[in-house]
PDB file of N, CA and C in Angstrom:
ATOM      1  N   MET A   1       0.882  -1.306   0.033  1.00  0.00           N
ATOM      2  CA  MET A   1      -0.199  -0.008  -0.014  1.00  0.00           C
ATOM      3  C   MET A   1       0.732   1.158   0.141  1.00  0.00           C
ATOM      4  N   PRO A   2       0.729   2.286  -0.912  1.00  0.00           N
ATOM      5  CA  PRO A   2       1.397   3.248  -0.945  1.00  0.00           C
ATOM      6  C   PRO A   2       1.430   4.088   0.509  1.00  0.00           C
ATOM      7  N   GLN A   3       2.511   4.876   0.624  1.00  0.00           N
ATOM      8  CA  GLN A   3       2.515   5.511   1.961  1.00  0.00           C
ATOM      9  C   GLN A   3       2.727   7.001   1.785  1.00  0.00           C
ATOM     10  N   PRO A   4       1.671   7.900   1.536  1.00  0.00           N
ATOM     11  CA  PRO A   4       2.018   9.427   1.152  1.00  0.00           C
ATOM     12  C   PRO A   4       2.384  10.140   2.209  1.00  0.00           C
ATOM     13  N   ALA A   5       3.466  10.818   2.201  1.00  0.00           N
ATOM     14  CA  ALA A   5       4.063  11.519   3.241  1.00  0.00           C
ATOM     15  C   ALA A   5       2.890  12.341   4.007  1.00  0.00           C
ATOM     16  N   ASP A   6       2.362  13.006   3.479  1.00  0.00           N
ATOM     17  CA  ASP A   6       1.117  13.802   4.237  1.00  0.00           C
ATOM     18  C   ASP A   6       0.112  13.301   4.918  1.00  0.00           C
ATOM     19  N   ALA A   7       0.001  11.938   4.869  1.00  0.00           N
ATOM     20  CA  ALA A   7      -0.877  11.176   5.637  1.00  0.00           C
ATOM     21  C   ALA A   7      -0.334  10.215   6.544  1.00  0.00           C
ATOM     22  N   SER A   8       0.887  10.198   6.588  1.00  0.00           N
ATOM     23  CA  SER A   8       1.430   9.229   7.543  1.00  0.00           C
ATOM     24  C   SER A   8       0.936   9.374   8.992  1.00  0.00           C
ATOM     25  N   LEU A   9       0.855  10.635   9.573  1.00  0.00           N
ATOM     26  CA  LEU A   9       0.094  10.407  10.831  1.00  0.00           C
ATOM     27  C   LEU A   9      -1.208  10.232  10.959  1.00  0.00           C
ATOM     28  N   VAL A  10      -2.151  10.368   9.706  1.00  0.00           N
ATOM     29  CA  VAL A  10      -3.407   9.589   9.706  1.00  0.00           C
ATOM     30  C   VAL A  10      -3.304   8.403   9.787  1.00  0.00           C
ATOM     31  N   TRP A  11      -2.392   7.610   9.000  1.00  0.00           N
ATOM     32  CA  TRP A  11      -2.229   6.244   9.172  1.00  0.00           C
ATOM     33  C   TRP A  11      -2.055   5.706  10.406  1.00  0.00           C
ATOM     34  N   LEU A  12      -1.007   6.371  11.115  1.00  0.00           N
ATOM     35  CA  LEU A  12      -0.462   5.976  12.322  1.00  0.00           C
ATOM     36  C   LEU A  12      -1.541   6.019  13.452  1.00  0.00           C
ATOM     37  N   VAL A  13      -2.358   6.991  13.330  1.00  0.00           N
ATOM     38  CA  VAL A  13      -3.699   7.161  14.313  1.00  0.00           C
ATOM     39  C   VAL A  13      -4.666   6.068  13.756  1.00  0.00           C
ATOM     40  N   ALA A  14      -4.789   5.743  12.586  1.00  0.00           N
ATOM     41  CA  ALA A  14      -5.947   4.835  12.246  1.00  0.00           C
ATOM     42  C   ALA A  14      -5.077   3.615  12.492  1.00  0.00           C
ATOM     43  N   CYS A  15      -3.984   3.171  12.680  1.00  0.00           N
ATOM     44  CA  CYS A  15      -3.444   2.009  13.145  1.00  0.00           C
ATOM     45  C   CYS A  15      -3.712   1.730  14.653  1.00  0.00           C
ATOM     46  N   TRP A  16      -3.370   2.836  15.318  1.00  0.00           N
ATOM     47  CA  TRP A  16      -3.859   2.822  16.754  1.00  0.00           C
ATOM     48  C   TRP A  16      -5.130   2.656  17.055  1.00  0.00           C
ATOM     49  N   LEU A  17      -6.203   3.400  16.487  1.00  0.00           N
ATOM     50  CA  LEU A  17      -7.646   2.989  16.602  1.00  0.00           C
ATOM     51  C   LEU A  17      -8.049   1.882  16.352  1.00  0.00           C
ATOM     52  N   ALA A  18      -7.509   1.194  15.335  1.00  0.00           N
ATOM     53  CA  ALA A  18      -8.085  -0.062  14.835  1.00  0.00           C
ATOM     54  C   ALA A  18      -7.355  -1.129  15.757  1.00  0.00           C
ATOM     55  N   ALA A  19      -6.129  -1.147  16.018  1.00  0.00           N
ATOM     56  CA  ALA A  19      -5.828  -1.937  16.825  1.00  0.00           C
ATOM     57  C   ALA A  19      -6.294  -2.213  18.498  1.00  0.00           C
ATOM     58  N   TRP A  20      -6.794  -0.701  18.780  1.00  0.00           N
ATOM     59  CA  TRP A  20      -7.467  -0.496  20.107  1.00  0.00           C
ATOM     60  C   TRP A  20      -8.648  -1.579  19.879  1.00  0.00           C
ATOM     61  N   ARG A  21      -9.514  -1.022  18.999  1.00  0.00           N
ATOM     62  CA  ARG A  21     -10.733  -1.602  18.885  1.00  0.00           C
ATOM     63  C   ARG A  21     -10.868  -3.122  18.704  1.00  0.00           C
ATOM     64  N   LEU A  22      -9.907  -3.409  17.833  1.00  0.00           N
ATOM     65  CA  LEU A  22      -9.728  -5.167  17.474  1.00  0.00           C
ATOM     66  C   LEU A  22      -9.505  -5.940  18.901  1.00  0.00           C
ATOM     67  N   THR A  23      -8.588  -5.416  19.666  1.00  0.00           N
ATOM     68  CA  THR A  23      -8.217  -5.843  20.750  1.00  0.00           C
ATOM     69  C   THR A  23      -9.249  -5.979  21.611  1.00  0.00           C
ATOM     70  N   ALA A  24     -10.006  -4.720  22.198  1.00  0.00           N
ATOM     71  CA  ALA A  24     -11.053  -5.115  23.026  1.00  0.00           C
ATOM     72  C   ALA A  24     -12.196  -5.773  22.373  1.00  0.00           C
ATOM     73  N   LEU A  25     -12.309  -5.884  21.057  1.00  0.00           N
ATOM     74  CA  LEU A  25     -13.222  -6.715  20.673  1.00  0.00           C
ATOM     75  C   LEU A  25     -12.869  -8.141  21.051  1.00  0.00           C
ATOM     76  N   ILE A  26     -11.868  -8.541  20.748  1.00  0.00           N
ATOM     77  CA  ILE A  26     -11.475 -10.023  21.144  1.00  0.00           C
ATOM     78  C   ILE A  26     -11.359 -10.264  22.635  1.00  0.00           C
ATOM     79  N   ALA A  27     -10.899  -9.263  23.325  1.00  0.00           N
ATOM     80  CA  ALA A  27     -10.526  -9.324  24.662  1.00  0.00           C
ATOM     81  C   ALA A  27     -11.621  -9.462  25.534  1.00  0.00           C
ATOM     82  N   TYR A  28     -12.654  -8.752  25.372  1.00  0.00           N
ATOM     83  CA  TYR A  28     -13.974  -8.607  26.182  1.00  0.00           C
ATOM     84  C   TYR A  28     -15.204  -8.812  25.466  1.00  0.00           C
ATOM     85  N   GLU A  29     -15.476  -8.842  24.344  1.00  0.00           N
ATOM     86  CA  GLU A  29     -16.780  -9.237  23.725  1.00  0.00           C
ATOM     87  C   GLU A  29     -17.094 -10.542  23.431  1.00  0.00           C
ATOM     88  N   ALA A  30     -18.212 -10.872  23.229  1.00  0.00           N
ATOM     89  CA  ALA A  30     -18.771 -12.197  22.635  1.00  0.00           C
ATOM     90  C   ALA A  30     -18.832 -12.457  21.245  1.00  0.00           C
ATOM     91  N   GLY A  31     -19.107 -11.165  20.511  1.00  0.00           N
ATOM     92  CA  GLY A  31     -19.055 -11.254  19.224  1.00  0.00           C
ATOM     93  C   GLY A  31     -20.387 -11.957  18.747  1.00  0.00           C
ATOM     94  N   PRO A  32     -20.718 -11.782  17.381  1.00  0.00           N
ATOM     95  CA  PRO A  32     -21.863 -12.384  16.905  1.00  0.00           C
ATOM     96  C   PRO A  32     -21.709 -14.062  17.029  1.00  0.00           C
ATOM     97  N   PHE A  33     -22.875 -14.754  17.329  1.00  0.00           N
ATOM     98  CA  PHE A  33     -23.061 -16.133  17.718  1.00  0.00           C
ATOM     99  C   PHE A  33     -21.884 -16.495  18.725  1.00  0.00           C
ATOM    100  N   ASP A  34     -21.613 -15.743  19.590  1.00  0.00           N
ATOM    101  CA  ASP A  34     -20.522 -16.046  20.441  1.00  0.00           C
ATOM    102  C   ASP A  34     -19.285 -16.652  19.790  1.00  0.00           C
ATOM    103  N   VAL A  35     -18.708 -16.060  18.776  1.00  0.00           N
ATOM    104  CA  VAL A  35     -17.536 -16.459  18.019  1.00  0.00           C
ATOM    105  C   VAL A  35     -16.444 -15.968  18.962  1.00  0.00           C
ATOM    106  N   LEU A  36     -16.295 -14.953  19.171  1.00  0.00           N
ATOM    107  CA  LEU A  36     -14.993 -14.739  20.028  1.00  0.00           C
ATOM    108  C   LEU A  36     -15.031 -15.211  21.343  1.00  0.00           C
ATOM    109  N   SER A  37     -16.116 -15.429  21.997  1.00  0.00           N
ATOM    110  CA  SER A  37     -15.911 -16.317  23.163  1.00  0.00           C
ATOM    111  C   SER A  37     -15.414 -17.626  22.770  1.00  0.00           C
ATOM    112  N   ARG A  38     -15.840 -18.239  21.827  1.00  0.00           N
ATOM    113  CA  ARG A  38     -15.330 -19.428  21.497  1.00  0.00           C
ATOM    114  C   ARG A  38     -14.000 -19.471  20.966  1.00  0.00           C
ATOM    115  N   LEU A  39     -13.589 -18.376  20.576  1.00  0.00           N
ATOM    116  CA  LEU A  39     -12.105 -18.278  20.389  1.00  0.00           C
ATOM    117  C   LEU A  39     -11.276 -18.220  21.544  1.00  0.00           C
ATOM    118  N   ARG A  40     -11.742 -17.452  22.444  1.00  0.00           N
ATOM    119  CA  ARG A  40     -10.902 -17.378  23.799  1.00  0.00           C
ATOM    120  C   ARG A  40     -10.980 -18.834  24.371  1.00  0.00           C
ATOM    121  N   VAL A  41     -12.263 -19.593  24.509  1.00  0.00           N
ATOM    122  CA  VAL A  41     -12.109 -20.904  24.934  1.00  0.00           C
ATOM    123  C   VAL A  41     -11.199 -21.926  24.004  1.00  0.00           C
ATOM    124  N   ALA A  42     -11.269 -21.797  22.769  1.00  0.00           N
ATOM    125  CA  ALA A  42     -10.289 -22.415  22.010  1.00  0.00           C
ATOM    126  C   ALA A  42      -8.810 -22.414  22.397  1.00  0.00           C
ATOM    127  N   LEU A  43      -8.364 -21.086  22.521  1.00  0.00           N
ATOM    128  CA  LEU A  43      -7.027 -20.731  22.926  1.00  0.00           C
ATOM    129  C   LEU A  43      -6.486 -21.095  24.208  1.00  0.00           C
ATOM    130  N   ALA A  44      -7.695 -21.158  25.079  1.00  0.00           N
ATOM    131  CA  ALA A  44      -7.355 -21.746  26.509  1.00  0.00           C
ATOM    132  C   ALA A  44      -7.123 -23.419  26.194  1.00  0.00           C
ATOM    133  N   ARG A  45      -7.915 -24.032  25.228  1.00  0.00           N
ATOM    134  CA  ARG A  45      -7.651 -25.679  25.267  1.00  0.00           C
ATOM    135  C   ARG A  45      -6.258 -25.809  24.720  1.00  0.00           C
ATOM    136  N   VAL A  46      -5.647 -24.927  23.941  1.00  0.00           N
ATOM    137  CA  VAL A  46      -4.209 -25.084  23.389  1.00  0.00           C
ATOM    138  C   VAL A  46      -3.445 -24.267  24.287  1.00  0.00           C
ATOM    139  N   ARG A  47      -3.916 -23.885  25.714  1.00  0.00           N
ATOM    140  CA  ARG A  47      -2.837 -23.247  26.567  1.00  0.00           C
ATOM    141  C   ARG A  47      -2.335 -21.937  26.065  1.00  0.00           C
ATOM    142  N   LEU A  48      -2.946 -21.440  25.302  1.00  0.00           N
ATOM    143  CA  LEU A  48      -2.834 -19.833  25.005  1.00  0.00           C
ATOM    144  C   LEU A  48      -3.827 -18.954  25.597  1.00  0.00           C
ATOM    145  N   GLN A  49      -4.476 -19.099  26.681  1.00  0.00           N
ATOM    146  CA  GLN A  49      -5.527 -18.229  27.136  1.00  0.00           C
ATOM    147  C   GLN A  49      -4.912 -16.755  27.508  1.00  0.00           C
ATOM    148  N   GLY A  50      -3.679 -16.847  27.855  1.00  0.00           N
ATOM    149  CA  GLY A  50      -2.899 -15.691  28.113  1.00  0.00           C
ATOM    150  C   GLY A  50      -2.911 -14.677  26.792  1.00  0.00           C
ATOM    151  N   LEU A  51      -3.000 -15.260  25.765  1.00  0.00           N
ATOM    152  CA  LEU A  51      -3.083 -14.504  24.522  1.00  0.00           C
ATOM    153  C   LEU A  51      -4.540 -13.505  24.664  1.00  0.00           C
ATOM    154  N   ALA A  52      -5.291 -14.114  25.165  1.00  0.00           N
ATOM    155  CA  ALA A  52      -6.580 -13.431  24.933  1.00  0.00           C
ATOM    156  C   ALA A  52      -7.123 -12.997  26.200  1.00  0.00           C
ATOM    157  N   THR A  53      -6.589 -13.330  27.424  1.00  0.00           N
ATOM    158  CA  THR A  53      -7.029 -12.741  28.631  1.00  0.00           C
ATOM    159  C   THR A  53      -6.246 -11.385  29.017  1.00  0.00           C
ATOM    160  N   CYS A  54      -4.900 -11.248  28.484  1.00  0.00           N
ATOM    161  CA  CYS A  54      -4.199 -10.078  28.765  1.00  0.00           C
ATOM    162  C   CYS A  54      -4.190  -9.278  27.677  1.00  0.00           C
ATOM    163  N   PHE A  55      -4.960  -8.154  27.903  1.00  0.00           N
ATOM    164  CA  PHE A  55      -5.162  -7.176  26.942  1.00  0.00           C
ATOM    165  C   PHE A  55      -3.801  -6.488  26.303  1.00  0.00           C
ATOM    166  N   HIS A  56      -2.938  -6.415  27.302  1.00  0.00           N
ATOM    167  CA  HIS A  56      -1.598  -5.509  26.522  1.00  0.00           C
ATOM    168  C   HIS A  56      -0.842  -6.657  25.683  1.00  0.00           C
ATOM    169  N   CYS A  57      -0.799  -8.059  25.998  1.00  0.00           N
ATOM    170  CA  CYS A  57      -0.188  -9.005  25.203  1.00  0.00           C
ATOM    171  C   CYS A  57      -1.065  -9.158  23.920  1.00  0.00           C
ATOM    172  N   LEU A  58      -2.039  -9.158  24.085  1.00  0.00           N
ATOM    173  CA  LEU A  58      -3.013  -9.281  22.804  1.00  0.00           C
ATOM    174  C   LEU A  58      -2.965  -7.987  21.902  1.00  0.00           C
ATOM    175  N   GLY A  59      -3.000  -6.555  22.738  1.00  0.00           N
ATOM    176  CA  GLY A  59      -2.827  -5.738  21.928  1.00  0.00           C
ATOM    177  C   GLY A  59      -1.507  -5.545  21.130  1.00  0.00           C
ATOM    178  N   PHE A  60      -0.295  -6.268  21.768  1.00  0.00           N
ATOM    179  CA  PHE A  60       0.756  -6.202  20.961  1.00  0.00           C
ATOM    180  C   PHE A  60       0.588  -7.051  19.486  1.00  0.00           C
ATOM    181  N   TRP A  61       0.229  -8.051  19.840  1.00  0.00           N
ATOM    182  CA  TRP A  61       0.091  -9.018  18.454  1.00  0.00           C
ATOM    183  C   TRP A  61      -0.748  -8.335  17.475  1.00  0.00           C
ATOM    184  N   ILE A  62      -1.922  -7.808  18.102  1.00  0.00           N
ATOM    185  CA  ILE A  62      -2.736  -7.018  16.916  1.00  0.00           C
ATOM    186  C   ILE A  62      -2.243  -5.886  16.488  1.00  0.00           C
ATOM    187  N   SER A  63      -1.536  -5.059  17.141  1.00  0.00           N
ATOM    188  CA  SER A  63      -0.802  -3.993  16.618  1.00  0.00           C
ATOM    189  C   SER A  63       0.048  -4.570  15.530  1.00  0.00           C
ATOM    190  N   ALA A  64       0.995  -5.584  15.865  1.00  0.00           N
ATOM    191  CA  ALA A  64       1.655  -5.904  14.788  1.00  0.00           C
ATOM    192  C   ALA A  64       1.263  -6.353  13.512  1.00  0.00           C
ATOM    193  N   ALA A  65      -0.096  -6.918  13.637  1.00  0.00           N
ATOM    194  CA  ALA A  65      -0.820  -7.182  12.405  1.00  0.00           C
ATOM    195  C   ALA A  65      -1.168  -6.210  11.607  1.00  0.00           C
ATOM    196  N   VAL A  66      -1.638  -5.250  12.463  1.00  0.00           N
ATOM    197  CA  VAL A  66      -2.400  -3.646  11.832  1.00  0.00           C
ATOM    198  C   VAL A  66      -1.095  -3.106  11.388  1.00  0.00           C
ATOM    199  N   VAL A  67      -0.237  -2.901  11.909  1.00  0.00           N
ATOM    200  CA  VAL A  67       0.946  -2.330  11.095  1.00  0.00           C
ATOM    201  C   VAL A  67       1.579  -2.769  10.081  1.00  0.00           C
ATOM    202  N   LEU A  68       2.009  -4.137  10.019  1.00  0.00           N
ATOM    203  CA  LEU A  68       2.405  -4.748   8.873  1.00  0.00           C
ATOM    204  C   LEU A  68       1.313  -4.786   7.799  1.00  0.00           C
ATOM    205  N   LEU A  69       0.252  -4.822   7.960  1.00  0.00           N
ATOM    206  CA  LEU A  69      -0.794  -4.632   6.808  1.00  0.00           C
ATOM    207  C   LEU A  69      -0.860  -3.205   6.040  1.00  0.00           C
ATOM    208  N   VAL A  70      -0.562  -2.161   6.811  1.00  0.00           N
ATOM    209  CA  VAL A  70      -0.668  -0.722   6.454  1.00  0.00           C
ATOM    210  C   VAL A  70       0.907  -0.290   5.971  1.00  0.00           C
ATOM    211  N   TYR A  71       1.892  -0.759   6.742  1.00  0.00           N
ATOM    212  CA  TYR A  71       3.084  -0.257   6.387  1.00  0.00           C
ATOM    213  C   TYR A  71       4.093  -1.221   5.914  1.00  0.00           C
ATOM    214  N   LYS A  72       5.002  -1.126   5.192  1.00  0.00           N
ATOM    215  CA  LYS A  72       6.093  -1.975   4.573  1.00  0.00           C
ATOM    216  C   LYS A  72       6.778  -2.728   5.518  1.00  0.00           C
ATOM    217  N   ILE A  73       7.131  -3.965   5.208  1.00  0.00           N
ATOM    218  CA  ILE A  73       7.865  -4.642   6.357  1.00  0.00           C
ATOM    219  C   ILE A  73       9.452  -3.875   6.043  1.00  0.00           C
ATOM    220  N   GLU A  74       9.742  -3.177   7.322  1.00  0.00           N
ATOM    221  CA  GLU A  74      10.922  -2.642   7.466  1.00  0.00           C
ATOM    222  C   GLU A  74      11.589  -2.794   8.794  1.00  0.00           C
ATOM    223  N   VAL A  75      12.777  -2.394   9.019  1.00  0.00           N
ATOM    224  CA  VAL A  75      13.193  -2.177  10.333  1.00  0.00           C
ATOM    225  C   VAL A  75      12.607  -1.321  11.173  1.00  0.00           C
ATOM    226  N   ARG A  76      11.968  -0.019  10.553  1.00  0.00           N
ATOM    227  CA  ARG A  76      11.304   0.904  11.302  1.00  0.00           C
ATOM    228  C   ARG A  76       9.761   0.428  11.906  1.00  0.00           C
ATOM    229  N   SER A  77       9.411  -0.846  11.185  1.00  0.00           N
ATOM    230  CA  SER A  77       8.070  -1.196  11.482  1.00  0.00           C
ATOM    231  C   SER A  77       8.116  -1.827  12.679  1.00  0.00           C
ATOM    232  N   LEU A  78       9.124  -2.306  13.343  1.00  0.00           N
ATOM    233  CA  LEU A  78       9.130  -2.714  14.857  1.00  0.00           C
ATOM    234  C   LEU A  78       9.035  -1.523  15.694  1.00  0.00           C
ATOM    235  N   LEU A  79       9.615  -0.397  15.345  1.00  0.00           N
ATOM    236  CA  LEU A  79       9.306   0.685  16.060  1.00  0.00           C
ATOM    237  C   LEU A  79       7.595   1.157  16.144  1.00  0.00           C
ATOM    238  N   LEU A  80       7.344   1.097  15.036  1.00  0.00           N
ATOM    239  CA  LEU A  80       5.948   1.227  14.795  1.00  0.00           C
ATOM    240  C   LEU A  80       5.048   0.578  15.697  1.00  0.00           C
ATOM    241  N   ILE A  81       5.393  -0.698  15.575  1.00  0.00           N
ATOM    242  CA  ILE A  81       4.480  -1.769  16.268  1.00  0.00           C
ATOM    243  C   ILE A  81       4.446  -1.607  17.731  1.00  0.00           C
ATOM    244  N   LEU A  82       5.786  -1.181  18.340  1.00  0.00           N
ATOM    245  CA  LEU A  82       5.873  -0.820  19.673  1.00  0.00           C
ATOM    246  C   LEU A  82       5.107   0.522  19.949  1.00  0.00           C
ATOM    247  N   ALA A  83       5.275   1.424  19.203  1.00  0.00           N
ATOM    248  CA  ALA A  83       4.473   2.691  19.278  1.00  0.00           C
ATOM    249  C   ALA A  83       2.881   2.395  19.334  1.00  0.00           C
ATOM    250  N   VAL A  84       2.437   1.746  18.504  1.00  0.00           N
ATOM    251  CA  VAL A  84       1.169   1.298  18.421  1.00  0.00           C
ATOM    252  C   VAL A  84       0.552   0.595  19.573  1.00  0.00           C
ATOM    253  N   ALA A  85       1.477  -0.276  19.932  1.00  0.00           N
ATOM    254  CA  ALA A  85       1.038  -1.316  21.084  1.00  0.00           C
ATOM    255  C   ALA A  85       1.092  -0.453  22.244  1.00  0.00           C
ATOM    256  N   GLY A  86       1.950   0.450  22.351  1.00  0.00           N
ATOM    257  CA  GLY A  86       1.969   1.400  23.535  1.00  0.00           C
ATOM    258  C   GLY A  86       0.811   2.263  23.499  1.00  0.00           C
ATOM    259  N   ALA A  87       0.314   2.739  22.502  1.00  0.00           N
ATOM    260  CA  ALA A  87      -0.905   3.606  22.435  1.00  0.00           C
ATOM    261  C   ALA A  87      -1.960   2.778  22.805  1.00  0.00           C
ATOM    262  N   VAL A  88      -2.111   1.637  22.267  1.00  0.00           N
ATOM    263  CA  VAL A  88      -3.144   0.703  22.520  1.00  0.00           C
ATOM    264  C   VAL A  88      -3.262   0.558  24.167  1.00  0.00           C
ATOM    265  N   SER A  89      -2.150   0.178  24.934  1.00  0.00           N
ATOM    266  CA  SER A  89      -2.383   0.026  26.198  1.00  0.00           C
ATOM    267  C   SER A  89      -2.490   1.380  27.151  1.00  0.00           C
ATOM    268  N   ILE A  90      -1.978   2.371  26.541  1.00  0.00           N
ATOM    269  CA  ILE A  90      -2.185   3.778  27.182  1.00  0.00           C
ATOM    270  C   ILE A  90      -3.656   3.925  26.906  1.00  0.00           C
ATOM    271  N   SER A  91      -4.232   4.073  26.020  1.00  0.00           N
ATOM    272  CA  SER A  91      -5.858   4.130  25.543  1.00  0.00           C
ATOM    273  C   SER A  91      -6.563   3.144  26.754  1.00  0.00           C
ATOM    274  N   GLU A  92      -6.163   1.825  26.702  1.00  0.00           N
ATOM    275  CA  GLU A  92      -6.959   1.245  27.467  1.00  0.00           C
ATOM    276  C   GLU A  92      -7.031   1.605  29.032  1.00  0.00           C
ATOM    277  N   ARG A  93      -5.992   1.805  29.502  1.00  0.00           N
ATOM    278  CA  ARG A  93      -5.659   2.370  30.883  1.00  0.00           C
ATOM    279  C   ARG A  93      -6.582   3.500  31.034  1.00  0.00           C
ATOM    280  N   LEU A  94      -6.583   4.709  30.121  1.00  0.00           N
ATOM    281  CA  LEU A  94      -7.242   6.017  30.290  1.00  0.00           C
ATOM    282  C   LEU A  94      -8.818   5.673  30.314  1.00  0.00           C
ATOM    283  N   VAL A  95      -9.391   4.705  29.451  1.00  0.00           N
ATOM    284  CA  VAL A  95     -10.739   4.466  29.415  1.00  0.00           C
ATOM    285  C   VAL A  95     -11.114   3.401  30.468  1.00  0.00           C
ATOM    286  N   GLY A  96     -10.174   3.061  31.282  1.00  0.00           N
ATOM    287  CA  GLY A  96     -10.795   2.189  32.323  1.00  0.00           C
ATOM    288  C   GLY A  96     -10.706   0.699  32.167  1.00  0.00           C
ATOM    289  N   GLY A  97     -10.905   0.048  30.972  1.00  0.00           N
ATOM    290  CA  GLY A  97     -11.053  -1.245  30.405  1.00  0.00           C
ATOM    291  C   GLY A  97     -11.354  -1.991  31.745  1.00  0.00           C
ATOM    292  N   GLU A  98     -11.672  -3.388  31.295  1.00  0.00           N
ATOM    293  CA  GLU A  98     -12.272  -4.285  32.089  1.00  0.00           C
ATOM    294  C   GLU A  98     -11.082  -4.907  33.291  1.00  0.00           C
ATOM    295  N   VAL A  99     -11.315  -5.070  34.258  1.00  0.00           N
ATOM    296  CA  VAL A  99     -10.108  -5.612  35.238  1.00  0.00           C
ATOM    297  C   VAL A  99     -10.194  -7.176  34.934  1.00  0.00           C
ATOM    298  N   GLN A 100      -8.832  -7.679  34.595  1.00  0.00           N
ATOM    299  CA  GLN A 100      -8.775  -9.219  34.259  1.00  0.00           C
ATOM    300  C   GLN A 100      -8.987  -9.957  35.460  1.00  0.00           C
ATOM    301  N   ALA A 101      -9.550 -11.127  35.234  1.00  0.00           N
ATOM    302  CA  ALA A 101      -9.724 -12.210  36.174  1.00  0.00           C
ATOM    303  C   ALA A 101      -8.596 -12.339  37.154  1.00  0.00           C
ATOM    304  N   GLY A 102      -8.943 -12.541  38.422  1.00  0.00           N
ATOM    305  CA  GLY A 102      -7.673 -12.722  39.250  1.00  0.00           C
ATOM    306  C   GLY A 102      -6.814 -11.630  39.697  1.00  0.00           C
ATOM    307  N   LYS A 103      -7.213 -10.557  39.039  1.00  0.00           N
ATOM    308  CA  LYS A 103      -6.352  -9.125  39.375  1.00  0.00           C
ATOM    309  C   LYS A 103      -7.165  -8.359  40.088  1.00  0.00           C
ATOM    310  N   GLY A 104      -6.874  -7.471  40.941  1.00  0.00           N
ATOM    311  CA  GLY A 104      -7.638  -6.489  41.506  1.00  0.00           C
ATOM    312  C   GLY A 104      -7.587  -5.081  41.154  1.00  0.00           C
ATOM    313  N   ASN A 105      -7.844  -4.301  41.747  1.00  0.00           N
ATOM    314  CA  ASN A 105      -7.548  -2.706  41.410  1.00  0.00           C
ATOM    315  C   ASN A 105      -6.087  -2.060  41.890  1.00  0.00           C
ATOM    316  N   SER A 106      -5.350  -3.320  42.514  1.00  0.00           N
ATOM    317  CA  SER A 106      -4.066  -2.862  43.153  1.00  0.00           C
ATOM    318  C   SER A 106      -2.955  -2.303  42.228  1.00  0.00           C
ATOM    319  N   GLU A 107      -3.427  -2.267  40.940  1.00  0.00           N
ATOM    320  CA  GLU A 107      -2.114  -2.180  40.158  1.00  0.00           C
ATOM    321  C   GLU A 107      -1.949  -0.698  39.678  1.00  0.00           C
TER     322      GLU A 107
END
């Protein structure tokens, strides 16, 4: 996908918002026909439940997928992935997010 210089900030913000929304969708919502709930159960069966129960871990992987879809695969893409994942985590903390099972509000 082309990367016009004047729209790079727009794309970066779009990546951030898309990654946050997808992460929240997978981590917290049931989805149509409970598809996302079933995905979380399937991940638990193969011992990958941490991927779906830790918002910040899931946010990193979703950010990686979103950034690599929009930007070329380059060394600087790693920095963009970390930046978008950081923005996703900060956004989640700012909006309050749901408390993870087994963890209190002591963080």
